[in-house]
Amino acid sequence: MCHPEVSAASLPAGVVCDTVQVPLPGGAALPAFLVRPAVDGGPAVLLVHDMFGATPFYQQLAGRLATEGYRVLLPDLFHREGPLPTVTREAAYARWRQLDERRALDELQGALDWLTARGGAVSGRLGTMGFCMGGTLVLDLAALRRDLATVCFYGFPAPGAHTHARSAPAPLELVDRIQGPLLGLWGDQDEPVGFANVVRLRDELLRRGVAFECVVYPGVGHAFMGAPIVPETAASAAAAADAWPRVLAFYRRHLGGRTT
């Protein structure tokens, strides 16, 4: 599972973390971590964080993917808004409402192009993985591009309570354009997402014949892979332990990577 197993200040052996600036139109740049095997190469994955930002949790997750042979780009989508003053749900929501998610989608497309230009699409596809806010954004990216293998952890198929004018389109608004392969993972007790919306997304994608594996964990709520303010339960730990091997198997099928 991807709950951190080493300290936030370290990465697994054989993994390198670089700080990069991804060029954006108009001369701006998107700051990001590039976490990769010490022997570079292999397929690339774009990792999109939740409303708490590019926290050590995501750096550790990138390290775990790098040990499997993937190059992982973790952008900081809040580079304009700045760091959280306190790690609370209220502070995270307040910063999230300042984020222009439509611009963030453009920046993520630029990051995917940057990875492609550096040979990241080894099998003709790039990986994406997003959580919560990031899960919504990677579903949107799957409607904008045809070169992705998408992993969505508890993204919002429909607008949530904190949707604002600059939010990205709801995936259900783009459902006729979303392309697979996709792996989506939710808990059936996810009140913020609304499980009925997950069912609608699943049914619409399967009706269209999209390659979509929808995994639902009974008795599990939102953010079961870990978040700064969400306590771990036995059910969430079991879901996380089941989800991680599924993610690796999905990427090996669609991106390549190490087989052992």
C-alpha atoms as a PDB file:
ATOM      1  CA  MET A   1       0.000   0.000   0.000  1.00  0.00           C
ATOM      2  CA  CYS A   2       1.135   3.587  -0.353  1.00  0.00           C
ATOM      3  CA  HIS A   3       0.884   4.847   3.192  1.00  0.00           C
ATOM      4  CA  PRO A   4       4.438   6.154   3.803  1.00  0.00           C
ATOM      5  CA  GLU A   5       6.707   3.463   5.163  1.00  0.00           C
ATOM      6  CA  VAL A   6       9.872   5.581   5.389  1.00  0.00           C
ATOM      7  CA  SER A   7      10.503   9.033   6.773  1.00  0.00           C
ATOM      8  CA  ALA A   8       9.292  12.054   4.831  1.00  0.00           C
ATOM      9  CA  ALA A   9      12.901  13.203   4.382  1.00  0.00           C
ATOM     10  CA  SER A  10      14.061  10.108   2.513  1.00  0.00           C
ATOM     11  CA  LEU A  11      13.251   8.061  -0.560  1.00  0.00           C
ATOM     12  CA  PRO A  12      13.793   4.376  -1.300  1.00  0.00           C
ATOM     13  CA  ALA A  13      17.270   3.236  -2.273  1.00  0.00           C
ATOM     14  CA  GLY A  14      18.022   3.575  -5.965  1.00  0.00           C
ATOM     15  CA  VAL A  15      15.622   6.502  -6.432  1.00  0.00           C
ATOM     16  CA  VAL A  16      16.579  10.071  -7.356  1.00  0.00           C
ATOM     17  CA  CYS A  17      14.462  13.192  -6.818  1.00  0.00           C
ATOM     18  CA  ASP A  18      15.094  16.278  -8.967  1.00  0.00           C
ATOM     19  CA  THR A  19      13.400  19.662  -8.724  1.00  0.00           C
ATOM     20  CA  VAL A  20      12.404  20.801 -12.219  1.00  0.00           C
ATOM     21  CA  GLN A  21      10.644  23.721 -13.859  1.00  0.00           C
ATOM     22  CA  VAL A  22       8.281  22.686 -16.653  1.00  0.00           C
ATOM     23  CA  PRO A  23       8.059  25.518 -19.222  1.00  0.00           C
ATOM     24  CA  LEU A  24       4.593  26.951 -19.794  1.00  0.00           C
ATOM     25  CA  PRO A  25       3.318  29.299 -22.508  1.00  0.00           C
ATOM     26  CA  GLY A  26       4.114  32.961 -21.937  1.00  0.00           C
ATOM     27  CA  GLY A  27       7.400  32.273 -20.188  1.00  0.00           C
ATOM     28  CA  ALA A  28       5.944  30.900 -16.942  1.00  0.00           C
ATOM     29  CA  ALA A  29       7.013  27.592 -15.411  1.00  0.00           C
ATOM     30  CA  LEU A  30       5.366  24.838 -13.417  1.00  0.00           C
ATOM     31  CA  PRO A  31       7.520  23.692 -10.481  1.00  0.00           C
ATOM     32  CA  ALA A  32       7.577  19.950  -9.980  1.00  0.00           C
ATOM     33  CA  PHE A  33       9.437  17.037  -8.473  1.00  0.00           C
ATOM     34  CA  LEU A  34      10.771  14.446 -10.910  1.00  0.00           C
ATOM     35  CA  VAL A  35      11.250  11.196  -9.015  1.00  0.00           C
ATOM     36  CA  ARG A  36      12.938   8.476 -11.027  1.00  0.00           C
ATOM     37  CA  PRO A  37      15.109   5.391 -10.859  1.00  0.00           C
ATOM     38  CA  ALA A  38      18.803   6.202 -10.483  1.00  0.00           C
ATOM     39  CA  VAL A  39      19.250   4.460 -13.838  1.00  0.00           C
ATOM     40  CA  ASP A  40      16.942   6.713 -15.836  1.00  0.00           C
ATOM     41  CA  GLY A  41      14.452   5.531 -18.415  1.00  0.00           C
ATOM     42  CA  GLY A  42      11.171   3.720 -18.315  1.00  0.00           C
ATOM     43  CA  PRO A  43       7.576   4.882 -18.674  1.00  0.00           C
ATOM     44  CA  ALA A  44       6.416   8.182 -17.203  1.00  0.00           C
ATOM     45  CA  VAL A  45       3.551   8.856 -14.786  1.00  0.00           C
ATOM     46  CA  LEU A  46       2.056  12.264 -13.999  1.00  0.00           C
ATOM     47  CA  LEU A  47       1.015  12.310 -10.328  1.00  0.00           C
ATOM     48  CA  VAL A  48      -1.681  14.863  -9.429  1.00  0.00           C
ATOM     49  CA  HIS A  49      -2.104  15.702  -5.753  1.00  0.00           C
ATOM     50  CA  ASP A  50      -5.194  16.493  -3.695  1.00  0.00           C
ATOM     51  CA  MET A  51      -6.208  19.822  -2.142  1.00  0.00           C
ATOM     52  CA  PHE A  52      -3.462  19.532   0.481  1.00  0.00           C
ATOM     53  CA  GLY A  53      -0.830  19.888  -2.243  1.00  0.00           C
ATOM     54  CA  ALA A  54       2.386  18.076  -3.127  1.00  0.00           C
ATOM     55  CA  THR A  55       2.890  16.807   0.409  1.00  0.00           C
ATOM     56  CA  PRO A  56       5.485  14.253   1.565  1.00  0.00           C
ATOM     57  CA  PHE A  57       2.778  11.607   1.107  1.00  0.00           C
ATOM     58  CA  TYR A  58       2.922  12.166  -2.659  1.00  0.00           C
ATOM     59  CA  GLN A  59       6.701  12.376  -2.721  1.00  0.00           C
ATOM     60  CA  GLN A  60       6.814   9.009  -0.993  1.00  0.00           C
ATOM     61  CA  LEU A  61       4.234   7.609  -3.389  1.00  0.00           C
ATOM     62  CA  ALA A  62       6.329   8.838  -6.310  1.00  0.00           C
ATOM     63  CA  GLY A  63       9.308   7.060  -4.762  1.00  0.00           C
ATOM     64  CA  ARG A  64       7.379   3.809  -4.565  1.00  0.00           C
ATOM     65  CA  LEU A  65       6.463   4.091  -8.237  1.00  0.00           C
ATOM     66  CA  ALA A  66      10.076   4.883  -9.108  1.00  0.00           C
ATOM     67  CA  THR A  67      11.208   1.649  -7.463  1.00  0.00           C
ATOM     68  CA  GLU A  68       8.962  -0.108  -9.997  1.00  0.00           C
ATOM     69  CA  GLY A  69      10.808   1.544 -12.885  1.00  0.00           C
ATOM     70  CA  TYR A  70       8.610   4.600 -13.531  1.00  0.00           C
ATOM     71  CA  ARG A  71       9.601   8.234 -13.926  1.00  0.00           C
ATOM     72  CA  VAL A  72       7.116  10.228 -11.875  1.00  0.00           C
ATOM     73  CA  LEU A  73       6.426  13.935 -12.289  1.00  0.00           C
ATOM     74  CA  LEU A  74       4.690  15.543  -9.298  1.00  0.00           C
ATOM     75  CA  PRO A  75       3.770  19.171 -10.081  1.00  0.00           C
ATOM     76  CA  ASP A  76       2.816  21.739  -7.461  1.00  0.00           C
ATOM     77  CA  LEU A  77      -0.519  23.020  -8.733  1.00  0.00           C
ATOM     78  CA  PHE A  78      -0.665  25.557  -5.888  1.00  0.00           C
ATOM     79  CA  HIS A  79       2.562  27.278  -6.907  1.00  0.00           C
ATOM     80  CA  ARG A  80       0.686  30.573  -7.336  1.00  0.00           C
ATOM     81  CA  GLU A  81      -1.391  30.309  -4.161  1.00  0.00           C
ATOM     82  CA  GLY A  82       1.504  29.388  -1.869  1.00  0.00           C
ATOM     83  CA  PRO A  83       1.773  26.926   1.007  1.00  0.00           C
ATOM     84  CA  LEU A  84      -0.977  26.177   3.496  1.00  0.00           C
ATOM     85  CA  PRO A  85      -0.820  28.321   6.640  1.00  0.00           C
ATOM     86  CA  THR A  86      -2.057  25.341   8.657  1.00  0.00           C
ATOM     87  CA  VAL A  87      -2.727  21.746   7.657  1.00  0.00           C
ATOM     88  CA  THR A  88      -6.472  21.783   8.211  1.00  0.00           C
ATOM     89  CA  ARG A  89      -9.470  21.000   6.054  1.00  0.00           C
ATOM     90  CA  GLU A  90     -10.630  24.613   6.334  1.00  0.00           C
ATOM     91  CA  ALA A  91      -7.307  26.057   5.169  1.00  0.00           C
ATOM     92  CA  ALA A  92      -7.079  23.550   2.321  1.00  0.00           C
ATOM     93  CA  TYR A  93     -10.605  24.368   1.109  1.00  0.00           C
ATOM     94  CA  ALA A  94      -9.866  28.109   1.266  1.00  0.00           C
ATOM     95  CA  ARG A  95      -6.756  27.695  -0.896  1.00  0.00           C
ATOM     96  CA  TRP A  96      -8.547  25.302  -3.245  1.00  0.00           C
ATOM     97  CA  ARG A  97     -11.197  27.946  -3.917  1.00  0.00           C
ATOM     98  CA  GLN A  98      -8.434  30.267  -5.119  1.00  0.00           C
ATOM     99  CA  LEU A  99      -7.121  27.714  -7.628  1.00  0.00           C
ATOM    100  CA  ASP A 100      -8.063  28.154 -11.264  1.00  0.00           C
ATOM    101  CA  GLU A 101      -8.570  24.489 -12.090  1.00  0.00           C
ATOM    102  CA  ARG A 102      -9.085  25.200 -15.775  1.00  0.00           C
ATOM    103  CA  ARG A 103      -5.648  26.769 -15.906  1.00  0.00           C
ATOM    104  CA  ALA A 104      -4.338  23.843 -13.877  1.00  0.00           C
ATOM    105  CA  LEU A 105      -5.653  21.481 -16.559  1.00  0.00           C
ATOM    106  CA  ASP A 106      -3.688  23.431 -19.177  1.00  0.00           C
ATOM    107  CA  GLU A 107      -0.596  23.228 -17.004  1.00  0.00           C
ATOM    108  CA  LEU A 108      -1.014  19.489 -16.603  1.00  0.00           C
ATOM    109  CA  GLN A 109      -1.280  19.103 -20.363  1.00  0.00           C
ATOM    110  CA  GLY A 110       1.982  21.019 -20.637  1.00  0.00           C
ATOM    111  CA  ALA A 111       3.521  18.635 -18.118  1.00  0.00           C
ATOM    112  CA  LEU A 112       2.356  15.634 -20.158  1.00  0.00           C
ATOM    113  CA  ASP A 113       3.858  17.150 -23.315  1.00  0.00           C
ATOM    114  CA  TRP A 114       7.111  17.742 -21.409  1.00  0.00           C
ATOM    115  CA  LEU A 115       7.207  14.085 -20.382  1.00  0.00           C
ATOM    116  CA  THR A 116       6.457  12.947 -23.935  1.00  0.00           C
ATOM    117  CA  ALA A 117       9.290  15.070 -25.316  1.00  0.00           C
ATOM    118  CA  ARG A 118      11.622  13.295 -22.886  1.00  0.00           C
ATOM    119  CA  GLY A 119      10.658   9.817 -24.009  1.00  0.00           C
ATOM    120  CA  GLY A 120       8.133   9.115 -21.283  1.00  0.00           C
ATOM    121  CA  ALA A 121       5.525   7.513 -23.554  1.00  0.00           C
ATOM    122  CA  VAL A 122       7.471   4.264 -23.874  1.00  0.00           C
ATOM    123  CA  SER A 123       4.489   2.227 -25.087  1.00  0.00           C
ATOM    124  CA  GLY A 124       2.743   5.162 -26.756  1.00  0.00           C
ATOM    125  CA  ARG A 125       1.005   6.105 -23.499  1.00  0.00           C
ATOM    126  CA  LEU A 126       1.722   8.133 -20.400  1.00  0.00           C
ATOM    127  CA  GLY A 127       0.365   7.262 -16.989  1.00  0.00           C
ATOM    128  CA  THR A 128      -1.683   9.626 -14.887  1.00  0.00           C
ATOM    129  CA  MET A 129      -2.688   9.156 -11.268  1.00  0.00           C
ATOM    130  CA  GLY A 130      -4.807  11.581  -9.252  1.00  0.00           C
ATOM    131  CA  PHE A 131      -6.383  11.734  -5.810  1.00  0.00           C
ATOM    132  CA  CYS A 132      -9.548  13.622  -4.814  1.00  0.00           C
ATOM    133  CA  MET A 133      -9.136  16.967  -6.642  1.00  0.00           C
ATOM    134  CA  GLY A 134      -6.374  15.322  -8.656  1.00  0.00           C
ATOM    135  CA  GLY A 135      -8.621  12.348  -9.399  1.00  0.00           C
ATOM    136  CA  THR A 136     -11.135  14.714 -10.954  1.00  0.00           C
ATOM    137  CA  LEU A 137      -8.422  16.396 -13.010  1.00  0.00           C
ATOM    138  CA  VAL A 138      -7.040  13.129 -14.412  1.00  0.00           C
ATOM    139  CA  LEU A 139     -10.561  12.096 -15.489  1.00  0.00           C
ATOM    140  CA  ASP A 140     -10.810  15.433 -17.309  1.00  0.00           C
ATOM    141  CA  LEU A 141      -7.437  14.824 -18.935  1.00  0.00           C
ATOM    142  CA  ALA A 142      -8.749  11.480 -20.204  1.00  0.00           C
ATOM    143  CA  ALA A 143     -11.402  13.452 -22.090  1.00  0.00           C
ATOM    144  CA  LEU A 144      -8.789  15.765 -23.619  1.00  0.00           C
ATOM    145  CA  ARG A 145      -6.140  13.270 -24.708  1.00  0.00           C
ATOM    146  CA  ARG A 146      -5.883   9.801 -26.240  1.00  0.00           C
ATOM    147  CA  ASP A 147      -2.425   8.829 -24.993  1.00  0.00           C
ATOM    148  CA  LEU A 148      -3.110   8.179 -21.312  1.00  0.00           C
ATOM    149  CA  ALA A 149      -3.541   5.277 -18.928  1.00  0.00           C
ATOM    150  CA  THR A 150      -5.518   6.847 -16.089  1.00  0.00           C
ATOM    151  CA  VAL A 151      -5.716   5.914 -12.414  1.00  0.00           C
ATOM    152  CA  CYS A 152      -8.332   7.845 -10.444  1.00  0.00           C
ATOM    153  CA  PHE A 153      -8.532   7.632  -6.670  1.00  0.00           C
ATOM    154  CA  TYR A 154     -11.866   8.988  -5.413  1.00  0.00           C
ATOM    155  CA  GLY A 155     -12.244  11.802  -7.926  1.00  0.00           C
ATOM    156  CA  PHE A 156     -15.503  13.744  -8.181  1.00  0.00           C
ATOM    157  CA  PRO A 157     -17.601  12.705 -11.211  1.00  0.00           C
ATOM    158  CA  ALA A 158     -20.108  15.498 -10.473  1.00  0.00           C
ATOM    159  CA  PRO A 159     -19.653  18.945  -8.866  1.00  0.00           C
ATOM    160  CA  GLY A 160     -18.974  18.810  -5.133  1.00  0.00           C
ATOM    161  CA  ALA A 161     -19.978  21.124  -2.323  1.00  0.00           C
ATOM    162  CA  HIS A 162     -16.910  23.312  -2.798  1.00  0.00           C
ATOM    163  CA  THR A 163     -17.095  23.686  -6.575  1.00  0.00           C
ATOM    164  CA  HIS A 164     -16.488  27.271  -7.662  1.00  0.00           C
ATOM    165  CA  ALA A 165     -16.569  29.287 -10.879  1.00  0.00           C
ATOM    166  CA  ARG A 166     -13.015  28.363 -11.878  1.00  0.00           C
ATOM    167  CA  SER A 167     -13.397  24.655 -11.211  1.00  0.00           C
ATOM    168  CA  ALA A 168     -12.520  22.189 -13.944  1.00  0.00           C
ATOM    169  CA  PRO A 169     -15.423  20.593 -15.831  1.00  0.00           C
ATOM    170  CA  ALA A 170     -17.133  17.762 -13.995  1.00  0.00           C
ATOM    171  CA  PRO A 171     -16.172  14.426 -15.605  1.00  0.00           C
ATOM    172  CA  LEU A 172     -19.841  13.546 -16.098  1.00  0.00           C
ATOM    173  CA  GLU A 173     -20.088  16.652 -18.304  1.00  0.00           C
ATOM    174  CA  LEU A 174     -17.325  15.164 -20.487  1.00  0.00           C
ATOM    175  CA  VAL A 175     -18.331  11.529 -20.222  1.00  0.00           C
ATOM    176  CA  ASP A 176     -18.931  11.159 -23.960  1.00  0.00           C
ATOM    177  CA  ARG A 177     -15.282  12.093 -24.599  1.00  0.00           C
ATOM    178  CA  ILE A 178     -13.470  10.201 -21.839  1.00  0.00           C
ATOM    179  CA  GLN A 179     -11.216   7.467 -23.181  1.00  0.00           C
ATOM    180  CA  GLY A 180      -9.641   4.480 -21.490  1.00  0.00           C
ATOM    181  CA  PRO A 181      -7.898   2.609 -20.250  1.00  0.00           C
ATOM    182  CA  LEU A 182      -8.986   3.765 -16.803  1.00  0.00           C
ATOM    183  CA  LEU A 183      -8.764   2.350 -13.302  1.00  0.00           C
ATOM    184  CA  GLY A 184     -11.050   4.042 -10.786  1.00  0.00           C
ATOM    185  CA  LEU A 185     -11.064   3.319  -7.051  1.00  0.00           C
ATOM    186  CA  TRP A 186     -13.697   4.533  -4.592  1.00  0.00           C
ATOM    187  CA  GLY A 187     -15.271   3.596  -1.272  1.00  0.00           C
ATOM    188  CA  ASP A 188     -19.012   3.072  -1.195  1.00  0.00           C
ATOM    189  CA  GLN A 189     -19.282   5.336   1.870  1.00  0.00           C
ATOM    190  CA  ASP A 190     -17.656   8.311   0.139  1.00  0.00           C
ATOM    191  CA  GLU A 191     -20.060  11.081   1.103  1.00  0.00           C
ATOM    192  CA  PRO A 192     -18.092  14.023  -0.415  1.00  0.00           C
ATOM    193  CA  VAL A 193     -17.977  12.329  -3.840  1.00  0.00           C
ATOM    194  CA  GLY A 194     -21.484  10.867  -3.675  1.00  0.00           C
ATOM    195  CA  PHE A 195     -21.459   7.196  -4.578  1.00  0.00           C
ATOM    196  CA  ALA A 196     -24.463   7.575  -6.884  1.00  0.00           C
ATOM    197  CA  ASN A 197     -22.270   9.793  -9.074  1.00  0.00           C
ATOM    198  CA  VAL A 198     -19.655   7.048  -9.291  1.00  0.00           C
ATOM    199  CA  VAL A 199     -22.337   4.627 -10.442  1.00  0.00           C
ATOM    200  CA  ARG A 200     -23.489   7.099 -13.112  1.00  0.00           C
ATOM    201  CA  LEU A 201     -19.934   7.530 -14.379  1.00  0.00           C
ATOM    202  CA  ARG A 202     -19.334   3.773 -14.424  1.00  0.00           C
ATOM    203  CA  ASP A 203     -22.571   3.039 -16.260  1.00  0.00           C
ATOM    204  CA  GLU A 204     -22.003   5.734 -18.871  1.00  0.00           C
ATOM    205  CA  LEU A 205     -18.429   4.680 -19.597  1.00  0.00           C
ATOM    206  CA  LEU A 206     -19.293   1.001 -19.803  1.00  0.00           C
ATOM    207  CA  ARG A 207     -22.265   1.812 -22.045  1.00  0.00           C
ATOM    208  CA  ARG A 208     -19.808   3.430 -24.448  1.00  0.00           C
ATOM    209  CA  GLY A 209     -17.472   0.446 -24.265  1.00  0.00           C
ATOM    210  CA  VAL A 210     -14.656   2.362 -22.574  1.00  0.00           C
ATOM    211  CA  ALA A 211     -12.007   0.164 -20.966  1.00  0.00           C
ATOM    212  CA  PHE A 212     -12.852   1.086 -17.391  1.00  0.00           C
ATOM    213  CA  GLU A 213     -12.128  -0.995 -14.311  1.00  0.00           C
ATOM    214  CA  CYS A 214     -14.209   0.401 -11.447  1.00  0.00           C
ATOM    215  CA  VAL A 215     -13.188  -0.900  -8.032  1.00  0.00           C
ATOM    216  CA  VAL A 216     -15.478  -0.188  -5.069  1.00  0.00           C
ATOM    217  CA  TYR A 217     -14.493  -0.923  -1.477  1.00  0.00           C
ATOM    218  CA  PRO A 218     -17.458  -1.624   0.847  1.00  0.00           C
ATOM    219  CA  GLY A 219     -17.584   0.242   4.127  1.00  0.00           C
ATOM    220  CA  VAL A 220     -14.843   2.674   3.073  1.00  0.00           C
ATOM    221  CA  GLY A 221     -15.087   6.459   2.830  1.00  0.00           C
ATOM    222  CA  HIS A 222     -13.088   9.208   1.153  1.00  0.00           C
ATOM    223  CA  ALA A 223      -9.262   9.472   1.090  1.00  0.00           C
ATOM    224  CA  PHE A 224      -8.645   5.869   2.095  1.00  0.00           C
ATOM    225  CA  MET A 225      -5.106   5.951   0.718  1.00  0.00           C
ATOM    226  CA  GLY A 226      -4.144   8.531   3.322  1.00  0.00           C
ATOM    227  CA  ALA A 227      -4.513  12.268   3.917  1.00  0.00           C
ATOM    228  CA  PRO A 228      -3.115  14.562   6.621  1.00  0.00           C
ATOM    229  CA  ILE A 229      -6.381  14.778   8.565  1.00  0.00           C
ATOM    230  CA  VAL A 230      -8.041  11.440   7.783  1.00  0.00           C
ATOM    231  CA  PRO A 231      -7.392   8.761  10.436  1.00  0.00           C
ATOM    232  CA  GLU A 232      -6.626   5.301   9.162  1.00  0.00           C
ATOM    233  CA  THR A 233      -9.119   2.537   9.901  1.00  0.00           C
ATOM    234  CA  ALA A 234      -8.881  -1.199   9.414  1.00  0.00           C
ATOM    235  CA  ALA A 235     -11.176  -0.903   6.384  1.00  0.00           C
ATOM    236  CA  SER A 236      -9.199   1.923   4.773  1.00  0.00           C
ATOM    237  CA  ALA A 237      -5.901   0.128   5.392  1.00  0.00           C
ATOM    238  CA  ALA A 238      -7.275  -3.021   3.755  1.00  0.00           C
ATOM    239  CA  ALA A 239      -8.523  -0.996   0.782  1.00  0.00           C
ATOM    240  CA  ALA A 240      -5.141   0.699   0.393  1.00  0.00           C
ATOM    241  CA  ALA A 241      -3.346  -2.641   0.568  1.00  0.00           C
ATOM    242  CA  ASP A 242      -5.590  -4.038  -2.162  1.00  0.00           C
ATOM    243  CA  ALA A 243      -5.444  -0.941  -4.369  1.00  0.00           C
ATOM    244  CA  TRP A 244      -1.690  -0.596  -4.732  1.00  0.00           C
ATOM    245  CA  PRO A 245      -1.041  -3.967  -6.463  1.00  0.00           C
ATOM    246  CA  ARG A 246      -3.980  -3.209  -8.766  1.00  0.00           C
ATOM    247  CA  VAL A 247      -2.343   0.077  -9.765  1.00  0.00           C
ATOM    248  CA  LEU A 248       0.972  -1.581 -10.511  1.00  0.00           C
ATOM    249  CA  ALA A 249      -0.694  -4.339 -12.548  1.00  0.00           C
ATOM    250  CA  PHE A 250      -2.680  -1.734 -14.495  1.00  0.00           C
ATOM    251  CA  TYR A 251       0.428   0.266 -15.372  1.00  0.00           C
ATOM    252  CA  ARG A 252       2.380  -2.837 -16.345  1.00  0.00           C
ATOM    253  CA  ARG A 253      -0.402  -3.807 -18.765  1.00  0.00           C
ATOM    254  CA  HIS A 254      -0.717  -0.404 -20.369  1.00  0.00           C
ATOM    255  CA  LEU A 255       2.666   1.316 -19.896  1.00  0.00           C
ATOM    256  CA  GLY A 256       5.167  -1.477 -19.454  1.00  0.00           C
ATOM    257  CA  GLY A 257       7.684  -1.337 -16.623  1.00  0.00           C
ATOM    258  CA  ARG A 258       9.267  -3.957 -14.447  1.00  0.00           C
ATOM    259  CA  THR A 259       7.577  -7.314 -14.292  1.00  0.00           C
ATOM    260  CA  THR A 260       9.054  -8.451 -10.972  1.00  0.00           C
END
